[in-house]
N, C-alpha and C. Protein backbone atom coordinates (compact mmCIF):
# COMPACT_ATOMS: atom_id res chain seq x y z
N UNK A 1 26.81 43.26 -31.58
CA UNK A 1 25.66 42.45 -31.95
C UNK A 1 24.40 43.15 -31.48
N UNK A 2 23.41 43.17 -32.31
CA UNK A 2 22.16 43.84 -32.00
C UNK A 2 21.43 43.11 -30.87
N UNK A 3 20.82 43.90 -29.99
CA UNK A 3 20.04 43.31 -28.91
C UNK A 3 18.71 42.77 -29.44
N UNK A 4 18.30 43.22 -30.63
CA UNK A 4 17.04 42.80 -31.23
C UNK A 4 17.28 41.58 -32.11
N UNK A 5 17.09 40.40 -31.56
CA UNK A 5 17.28 39.15 -32.28
C UNK A 5 15.97 38.38 -32.22
N UNK A 6 15.66 37.69 -33.28
CA UNK A 6 14.50 36.81 -33.32
C UNK A 6 14.68 35.74 -32.24
N UNK A 7 13.81 35.74 -31.24
CA UNK A 7 13.96 34.80 -30.14
C UNK A 7 13.82 33.35 -30.57
N UNK A 8 13.28 33.11 -31.75
CA UNK A 8 13.21 31.75 -32.28
C UNK A 8 14.58 31.26 -32.74
N UNK A 9 15.55 32.16 -32.80
CA UNK A 9 16.90 31.79 -33.24
C UNK A 9 17.90 31.85 -32.10
N UNK A 10 17.48 32.13 -30.88
CA UNK A 10 18.47 32.27 -29.82
C UNK A 10 18.20 31.38 -28.62
N UNK A 11 19.32 31.00 -27.99
CA UNK A 11 19.29 30.24 -26.74
C UNK A 11 20.17 31.02 -25.77
N UNK A 12 19.63 31.35 -24.62
CA UNK A 12 20.38 32.11 -23.62
C UNK A 12 20.47 31.27 -22.35
N UNK A 13 21.71 31.14 -21.85
CA UNK A 13 21.96 30.44 -20.59
C UNK A 13 22.79 31.38 -19.72
N UNK A 14 22.50 31.41 -18.43
CA UNK A 14 23.24 32.30 -17.53
C UNK A 14 23.33 31.67 -16.15
N UNK A 15 24.41 32.03 -15.46
CA UNK A 15 24.58 31.57 -14.08
C UNK A 15 25.44 32.57 -13.33
N UNK A 16 25.13 32.74 -12.04
CA UNK A 16 25.94 33.56 -11.15
C UNK A 16 26.98 32.65 -10.50
N UNK A 17 28.26 32.97 -10.72
CA UNK A 17 29.37 32.23 -10.11
C UNK A 17 29.92 33.05 -8.95
N UNK A 18 30.38 32.38 -7.91
CA UNK A 18 30.84 33.08 -6.71
C UNK A 18 32.28 33.58 -6.83
N UNK A 19 32.81 33.63 -8.02
CA UNK A 19 34.18 34.12 -8.25
C UNK A 19 34.11 35.47 -8.97
N UNK A 20 35.17 36.25 -8.81
CA UNK A 20 35.25 37.56 -9.45
C UNK A 20 35.43 37.41 -10.97
N UNK A 21 35.06 38.44 -11.71
CA UNK A 21 35.15 38.42 -13.19
C UNK A 21 36.52 37.98 -13.69
N UNK A 22 37.62 38.52 -13.15
CA UNK A 22 38.92 38.08 -13.68
C UNK A 22 39.14 36.57 -13.56
N UNK A 23 38.65 35.98 -12.48
CA UNK A 23 38.83 34.53 -12.29
C UNK A 23 37.97 33.73 -13.26
N UNK A 24 36.74 34.16 -13.47
CA UNK A 24 35.86 33.44 -14.40
C UNK A 24 36.39 33.59 -15.82
N UNK A 25 36.80 34.79 -16.18
CA UNK A 25 37.35 35.01 -17.52
C UNK A 25 38.62 34.18 -17.73
N UNK A 26 39.49 34.13 -16.73
CA UNK A 26 40.75 33.37 -16.85
C UNK A 26 40.48 31.88 -17.07
N UNK A 27 39.40 31.36 -16.52
CA UNK A 27 39.07 29.94 -16.72
C UNK A 27 38.68 29.67 -18.17
N UNK A 28 38.21 30.71 -18.87
CA UNK A 28 37.91 30.56 -20.29
C UNK A 28 39.13 30.89 -21.15
N UNK A 29 39.87 31.91 -20.79
CA UNK A 29 40.94 32.45 -21.64
C UNK A 29 42.20 31.60 -21.67
N UNK A 30 42.40 30.72 -20.70
CA UNK A 30 43.58 29.86 -20.65
C UNK A 30 43.20 28.49 -21.22
N UNK A 31 43.72 28.12 -22.40
CA UNK A 31 43.28 26.87 -23.05
C UNK A 31 43.43 25.63 -22.18
N UNK A 32 44.50 25.55 -21.39
CA UNK A 32 44.68 24.36 -20.55
C UNK A 32 43.59 24.28 -19.47
N UNK A 33 43.10 25.42 -19.02
CA UNK A 33 42.00 25.43 -18.05
C UNK A 33 40.67 25.17 -18.76
N UNK A 34 40.48 25.79 -19.89
CA UNK A 34 39.25 25.62 -20.65
C UNK A 34 39.01 24.15 -20.99
N UNK A 35 40.07 23.45 -21.37
CA UNK A 35 39.96 22.03 -21.71
C UNK A 35 39.49 21.19 -20.53
N UNK A 36 39.72 21.66 -19.31
CA UNK A 36 39.34 20.92 -18.11
C UNK A 36 37.84 20.94 -17.85
N UNK A 37 37.13 21.94 -18.39
CA UNK A 37 35.70 22.04 -18.07
C UNK A 37 34.77 22.22 -19.27
N UNK A 38 35.28 22.52 -20.44
CA UNK A 38 34.40 22.80 -21.58
C UNK A 38 33.73 21.52 -22.06
N UNK A 39 32.44 21.59 -22.25
CA UNK A 39 31.65 20.47 -22.74
C UNK A 39 30.69 19.96 -21.68
N UNK A 40 29.68 19.22 -22.11
CA UNK A 40 28.72 18.65 -21.16
C UNK A 40 29.37 17.61 -20.24
N UNK A 41 28.63 17.21 -19.23
CA UNK A 41 29.09 16.21 -18.26
C UNK A 41 29.56 14.95 -19.00
N UNK A 42 30.72 14.46 -18.60
CA UNK A 42 31.26 13.24 -19.17
C UNK A 42 32.09 13.43 -20.43
N UNK A 43 32.06 14.60 -21.02
CA UNK A 43 32.84 14.87 -22.23
C UNK A 43 34.27 15.25 -21.87
N UNK A 44 35.18 14.98 -22.78
CA UNK A 44 36.55 15.47 -22.66
C UNK A 44 36.80 16.41 -23.84
N UNK A 45 37.75 17.30 -23.66
CA UNK A 45 38.07 18.30 -24.68
C UNK A 45 39.55 18.26 -25.00
N UNK A 46 39.86 18.32 -26.28
CA UNK A 46 41.23 18.49 -26.74
C UNK A 46 41.25 19.77 -27.57
N UNK A 47 42.01 20.74 -27.12
CA UNK A 47 42.08 22.01 -27.83
C UNK A 47 43.31 21.98 -28.74
N UNK A 48 43.07 22.13 -30.03
CA UNK A 48 44.14 22.10 -31.02
C UNK A 48 44.68 23.49 -31.31
N UNK A 49 43.82 24.49 -31.22
CA UNK A 49 44.19 25.86 -31.53
C UNK A 49 43.28 26.77 -30.71
N UNK A 50 43.85 27.79 -30.08
CA UNK A 50 43.03 28.74 -29.31
C UNK A 50 43.73 30.09 -29.38
N UNK A 51 43.38 30.88 -30.38
CA UNK A 51 44.00 32.18 -30.64
C UNK A 51 42.98 33.26 -30.28
N UNK A 52 42.95 33.61 -29.00
CA UNK A 52 41.92 34.48 -28.43
C UNK A 52 42.19 35.95 -28.80
N UNK A 53 41.76 36.29 -30.01
CA UNK A 53 41.85 37.67 -30.52
C UNK A 53 40.88 37.77 -31.69
N UNK A 54 40.39 38.96 -32.00
CA UNK A 54 39.51 39.08 -33.17
C UNK A 54 40.19 38.52 -34.41
N UNK A 55 39.49 37.63 -35.10
CA UNK A 55 40.04 36.95 -36.27
C UNK A 55 40.78 35.67 -35.94
N UNK A 56 41.03 35.41 -34.65
CA UNK A 56 41.72 34.20 -34.23
C UNK A 56 40.79 32.99 -34.30
N UNK A 57 41.38 31.82 -34.42
CA UNK A 57 40.62 30.57 -34.53
C UNK A 57 40.67 29.78 -33.24
N UNK A 58 39.64 28.95 -33.07
CA UNK A 58 39.54 28.03 -31.95
C UNK A 58 39.08 26.70 -32.54
N UNK A 59 39.97 25.70 -32.46
CA UNK A 59 39.63 24.35 -32.92
C UNK A 59 39.69 23.41 -31.72
N UNK A 60 38.65 22.63 -31.57
CA UNK A 60 38.54 21.74 -30.41
C UNK A 60 37.87 20.44 -30.84
N UNK A 61 38.29 19.34 -30.22
CA UNK A 61 37.61 18.06 -30.39
C UNK A 61 36.95 17.73 -29.06
N UNK A 62 35.65 17.52 -29.10
CA UNK A 62 34.91 17.07 -27.92
C UNK A 62 34.65 15.58 -28.10
N UNK A 63 34.85 14.83 -27.01
CA UNK A 63 34.57 13.38 -27.05
C UNK A 63 33.53 13.06 -25.98
N UNK A 64 32.50 12.35 -26.41
CA UNK A 64 31.45 11.97 -25.47
C UNK A 64 31.89 10.74 -24.68
N UNK A 65 31.15 10.36 -23.65
CA UNK A 65 31.55 9.21 -22.83
C UNK A 65 31.69 7.90 -23.61
N UNK A 66 31.01 7.77 -24.75
CA UNK A 66 31.12 6.56 -25.57
C UNK A 66 32.31 6.61 -26.51
N UNK A 67 33.04 7.74 -26.51
CA UNK A 67 34.23 7.86 -27.35
C UNK A 67 34.00 8.50 -28.70
N UNK A 68 32.77 8.90 -29.00
CA UNK A 68 32.50 9.56 -30.28
C UNK A 68 33.09 10.98 -30.25
N UNK A 69 33.76 11.36 -31.35
CA UNK A 69 34.41 12.67 -31.44
C UNK A 69 33.55 13.65 -32.23
N UNK A 70 33.60 14.91 -31.78
CA UNK A 70 32.89 16.00 -32.44
C UNK A 70 33.89 17.13 -32.66
N UNK A 71 34.23 17.36 -33.92
CA UNK A 71 35.17 18.42 -34.26
C UNK A 71 34.42 19.75 -34.30
N UNK A 72 35.02 20.78 -33.75
CA UNK A 72 34.42 22.11 -33.74
C UNK A 72 35.46 23.13 -34.13
N UNK A 73 35.05 24.11 -34.91
CA UNK A 73 35.93 25.21 -35.25
C UNK A 73 35.14 26.50 -35.15
N UNK A 74 35.77 27.51 -34.56
CA UNK A 74 35.14 28.81 -34.39
C UNK A 74 36.14 29.90 -34.71
N UNK A 75 35.61 31.09 -34.98
CA UNK A 75 36.43 32.28 -35.19
C UNK A 75 36.01 33.33 -34.17
N UNK A 76 36.98 33.88 -33.46
CA UNK A 76 36.69 34.94 -32.50
C UNK A 76 36.40 36.23 -33.26
N UNK A 77 35.31 36.89 -32.90
CA UNK A 77 34.92 38.14 -33.54
C UNK A 77 35.24 39.34 -32.66
N UNK A 78 34.97 39.21 -31.36
CA UNK A 78 35.19 40.28 -30.39
C UNK A 78 35.84 39.68 -29.16
N UNK A 79 36.85 40.34 -28.64
CA UNK A 79 37.48 39.92 -27.38
C UNK A 79 37.72 41.18 -26.56
N UNK A 80 36.95 41.30 -25.48
CA UNK A 80 37.15 42.38 -24.51
C UNK A 80 37.44 41.68 -23.18
N UNK A 81 38.73 41.49 -22.85
CA UNK A 81 39.12 40.68 -21.69
C UNK A 81 38.34 41.05 -20.43
N UNK A 82 37.81 40.02 -19.80
CA UNK A 82 37.08 40.18 -18.55
C UNK A 82 35.67 40.69 -18.72
N UNK A 83 35.26 41.02 -19.96
CA UNK A 83 33.93 41.58 -20.19
C UNK A 83 33.10 40.78 -21.18
N UNK A 84 33.67 40.52 -22.38
CA UNK A 84 32.88 39.90 -23.43
C UNK A 84 33.77 39.19 -24.44
N UNK A 85 33.30 38.03 -24.89
CA UNK A 85 33.92 37.30 -26.00
C UNK A 85 32.80 36.90 -26.94
N UNK A 86 33.00 37.16 -28.22
CA UNK A 86 32.02 36.75 -29.23
C UNK A 86 32.76 35.88 -30.23
N UNK A 87 32.18 34.70 -30.52
CA UNK A 87 32.78 33.86 -31.55
C UNK A 87 31.69 33.31 -32.47
N UNK A 88 32.10 33.01 -33.68
CA UNK A 88 31.21 32.40 -34.68
C UNK A 88 31.60 30.95 -34.80
N UNK A 89 30.65 30.07 -34.53
CA UNK A 89 30.87 28.63 -34.67
C UNK A 89 30.77 28.31 -36.15
N UNK A 90 31.87 27.80 -36.73
CA UNK A 90 31.96 27.61 -38.17
C UNK A 90 31.53 26.24 -38.64
N UNK A 91 31.34 25.30 -37.74
CA UNK A 91 30.91 23.96 -38.13
C UNK A 91 29.56 24.07 -38.83
N UNK A 92 29.44 23.58 -40.04
CA UNK A 92 28.17 23.75 -40.76
C UNK A 92 26.99 23.03 -40.13
N UNK A 93 27.22 22.09 -39.23
CA UNK A 93 26.10 21.41 -38.57
C UNK A 93 25.35 22.37 -37.65
N UNK A 94 26.06 23.22 -36.97
CA UNK A 94 25.45 24.21 -36.07
C UNK A 94 26.05 25.57 -36.40
N UNK A 95 25.31 26.38 -37.11
CA UNK A 95 25.77 27.70 -37.51
C UNK A 95 25.20 28.71 -36.53
N UNK A 96 26.06 29.18 -35.60
CA UNK A 96 25.60 30.14 -34.61
C UNK A 96 26.74 31.08 -34.21
N UNK A 97 26.34 32.20 -33.65
CA UNK A 97 27.28 33.14 -33.04
C UNK A 97 27.00 33.13 -31.55
N UNK A 98 28.07 33.04 -30.76
CA UNK A 98 27.93 32.96 -29.30
C UNK A 98 28.58 34.18 -28.67
N UNK A 99 27.84 34.82 -27.79
CA UNK A 99 28.36 35.94 -27.01
C UNK A 99 28.44 35.51 -25.56
N UNK A 100 29.65 35.57 -24.99
CA UNK A 100 29.87 35.29 -23.58
C UNK A 100 30.05 36.64 -22.89
N UNK A 101 29.21 36.93 -21.91
CA UNK A 101 29.29 38.18 -21.18
C UNK A 101 29.64 37.89 -19.72
N UNK A 102 30.66 38.56 -19.23
CA UNK A 102 31.13 38.41 -17.85
C UNK A 102 30.74 39.69 -17.11
N UNK A 103 29.73 39.62 -16.25
CA UNK A 103 29.22 40.83 -15.58
C UNK A 103 29.39 40.72 -14.08
N UNK A 104 30.10 41.69 -13.47
CA UNK A 104 30.26 41.64 -12.02
C UNK A 104 28.93 41.89 -11.31
N UNK A 105 28.72 41.13 -10.25
CA UNK A 105 27.57 41.33 -9.38
C UNK A 105 28.09 41.29 -7.95
N UNK A 106 27.27 41.68 -7.02
CA UNK A 106 27.69 41.77 -5.62
C UNK A 106 28.29 40.46 -5.11
N UNK A 107 27.72 39.34 -5.51
CA UNK A 107 28.18 38.04 -4.99
C UNK A 107 29.06 37.27 -5.97
N UNK A 108 29.57 37.94 -7.01
CA UNK A 108 30.43 37.23 -7.95
C UNK A 108 30.30 37.74 -9.37
N UNK A 109 30.18 36.80 -10.30
CA UNK A 109 30.12 37.12 -11.72
C UNK A 109 28.96 36.39 -12.37
N UNK A 110 28.15 37.15 -13.11
CA UNK A 110 27.11 36.52 -13.90
C UNK A 110 27.69 36.28 -15.29
N UNK A 111 27.76 35.00 -15.65
CA UNK A 111 28.22 34.60 -16.97
C UNK A 111 26.99 34.28 -17.81
N UNK A 112 26.86 34.96 -18.93
CA UNK A 112 25.73 34.74 -19.83
C UNK A 112 26.26 34.28 -21.18
N UNK A 113 25.67 33.21 -21.68
CA UNK A 113 25.97 32.70 -23.02
C UNK A 113 24.74 32.94 -23.86
N UNK A 114 24.92 33.69 -24.93
CA UNK A 114 23.81 33.97 -25.86
C UNK A 114 24.20 33.41 -27.21
N UNK A 115 23.50 32.37 -27.62
CA UNK A 115 23.74 31.71 -28.90
C UNK A 115 22.65 32.16 -29.87
N UNK A 116 23.06 32.72 -31.00
CA UNK A 116 22.11 33.15 -32.02
C UNK A 116 22.38 32.32 -33.28
N UNK A 117 21.41 31.50 -33.63
CA UNK A 117 21.53 30.60 -34.77
C UNK A 117 21.17 31.32 -36.06
N UNK A 118 21.80 30.93 -37.16
CA UNK A 118 21.49 31.48 -38.47
C UNK A 118 20.08 31.05 -38.90
N UNK A 119 19.64 29.88 -38.42
CA UNK A 119 18.38 29.30 -38.85
C UNK A 119 17.50 28.96 -37.65
N UNK A 120 16.27 29.46 -37.64
CA UNK A 120 15.36 29.20 -36.53
C UNK A 120 15.04 27.71 -36.38
N UNK A 121 14.91 26.99 -37.48
CA UNK A 121 14.60 25.56 -37.40
C UNK A 121 15.74 24.80 -36.73
N UNK A 122 16.98 25.17 -37.03
CA UNK A 122 18.14 24.52 -36.39
C UNK A 122 18.14 24.81 -34.89
N UNK A 123 17.82 26.05 -34.53
CA UNK A 123 17.75 26.41 -33.12
C UNK A 123 16.70 25.57 -32.40
N UNK A 124 15.55 25.42 -33.01
CA UNK A 124 14.47 24.63 -32.41
C UNK A 124 14.88 23.18 -32.23
N UNK A 125 15.54 22.60 -33.25
CA UNK A 125 16.00 21.20 -33.15
C UNK A 125 17.00 21.02 -32.01
N UNK A 126 17.82 22.02 -31.77
CA UNK A 126 18.92 21.91 -30.80
C UNK A 126 18.55 22.36 -29.39
N UNK A 127 17.48 23.12 -29.24
CA UNK A 127 17.20 23.84 -27.98
C UNK A 127 17.26 22.96 -26.73
N UNK A 128 16.56 21.86 -26.70
CA UNK A 128 16.50 21.03 -25.48
C UNK A 128 17.87 20.47 -25.13
N UNK A 129 18.57 19.98 -26.13
CA UNK A 129 19.90 19.41 -25.87
C UNK A 129 20.87 20.48 -25.44
N UNK A 130 20.89 21.60 -26.14
CA UNK A 130 21.86 22.66 -25.82
C UNK A 130 21.56 23.30 -24.47
N UNK A 131 20.30 23.50 -24.16
CA UNK A 131 19.96 24.11 -22.87
C UNK A 131 20.49 23.27 -21.71
N UNK A 132 20.27 21.96 -21.74
CA UNK A 132 20.77 21.11 -20.66
C UNK A 132 22.30 20.97 -20.73
N UNK A 133 22.87 20.90 -21.93
CA UNK A 133 24.32 20.80 -22.07
C UNK A 133 25.01 22.05 -21.53
N UNK A 134 24.43 23.22 -21.78
CA UNK A 134 25.02 24.45 -21.24
C UNK A 134 24.99 24.45 -19.72
N UNK A 135 23.93 23.94 -19.12
CA UNK A 135 23.87 23.85 -17.65
C UNK A 135 24.94 22.90 -17.12
N UNK A 136 25.14 21.79 -17.82
CA UNK A 136 26.21 20.85 -17.42
C UNK A 136 27.57 21.51 -17.57
N UNK A 137 27.75 22.30 -18.61
CA UNK A 137 28.99 23.04 -18.80
C UNK A 137 29.21 24.01 -17.64
N UNK A 138 28.16 24.72 -17.25
CA UNK A 138 28.26 25.64 -16.12
C UNK A 138 28.58 24.87 -14.83
N UNK A 139 27.99 23.68 -14.65
CA UNK A 139 28.32 22.86 -13.47
C UNK A 139 29.81 22.55 -13.44
N UNK A 140 30.35 22.18 -14.60
CA UNK A 140 31.78 21.84 -14.68
C UNK A 140 32.64 23.06 -14.42
N UNK A 141 32.24 24.22 -14.93
CA UNK A 141 32.98 25.46 -14.67
C UNK A 141 32.93 25.79 -13.18
N UNK A 142 31.78 25.66 -12.57
CA UNK A 142 31.64 25.93 -11.13
C UNK A 142 32.60 25.05 -10.33
N UNK A 143 32.65 23.77 -10.67
CA UNK A 143 33.57 22.85 -9.99
C UNK A 143 35.02 23.25 -10.25
N UNK A 144 35.32 23.61 -11.48
CA UNK A 144 36.70 24.03 -11.82
C UNK A 144 37.10 25.25 -11.01
N UNK A 145 36.22 26.24 -10.92
CA UNK A 145 36.54 27.46 -10.17
C UNK A 145 36.75 27.16 -8.69
N UNK A 146 35.98 26.21 -8.15
CA UNK A 146 36.07 25.87 -6.72
C UNK A 146 37.31 25.07 -6.40
N UNK A 147 37.85 24.35 -7.38
CA UNK A 147 38.97 23.44 -7.10
C UNK A 147 40.28 23.85 -7.74
N UNK A 148 40.28 24.87 -8.61
CA UNK A 148 41.50 25.27 -9.31
C UNK A 148 42.51 25.83 -8.31
N UNK A 149 43.73 25.32 -8.41
CA UNK A 149 44.82 25.74 -7.53
C UNK A 149 45.99 26.21 -8.41
N UNK A 150 46.13 27.52 -8.58
CA UNK A 150 47.20 28.01 -9.48
C UNK A 150 48.60 27.68 -8.99
């Protein structure tokens, strides 16, 4: 993916986690673990399909605290274990490509989510909600990493 993207079409969220890259990547790559933390605060996740390979599909149902369901389907474009995952969100409501980058740092792993929307207007409509939802997602991942007992 080109580093030169129209900033009106992208949302970037990042956080430094105190776990090593393999541990942070494993929390994403294992569907049973991913279901435990994926989604904003209060949401639950049901993963129907998670084929983590280029061309593989990911189907998930997110449910908000009121019980409303949100079906999501994505296709994995790039999978470099422990380094990068790129997927295309296929739901026509939100057309975006997401790049997850797992970068080692002295105190852990910097996880960066870069969402590039097909349409700048859609990105603008979603920005406030997605920015806070991504932070809640990171909070849930941080808790999962701190409490996961293999």
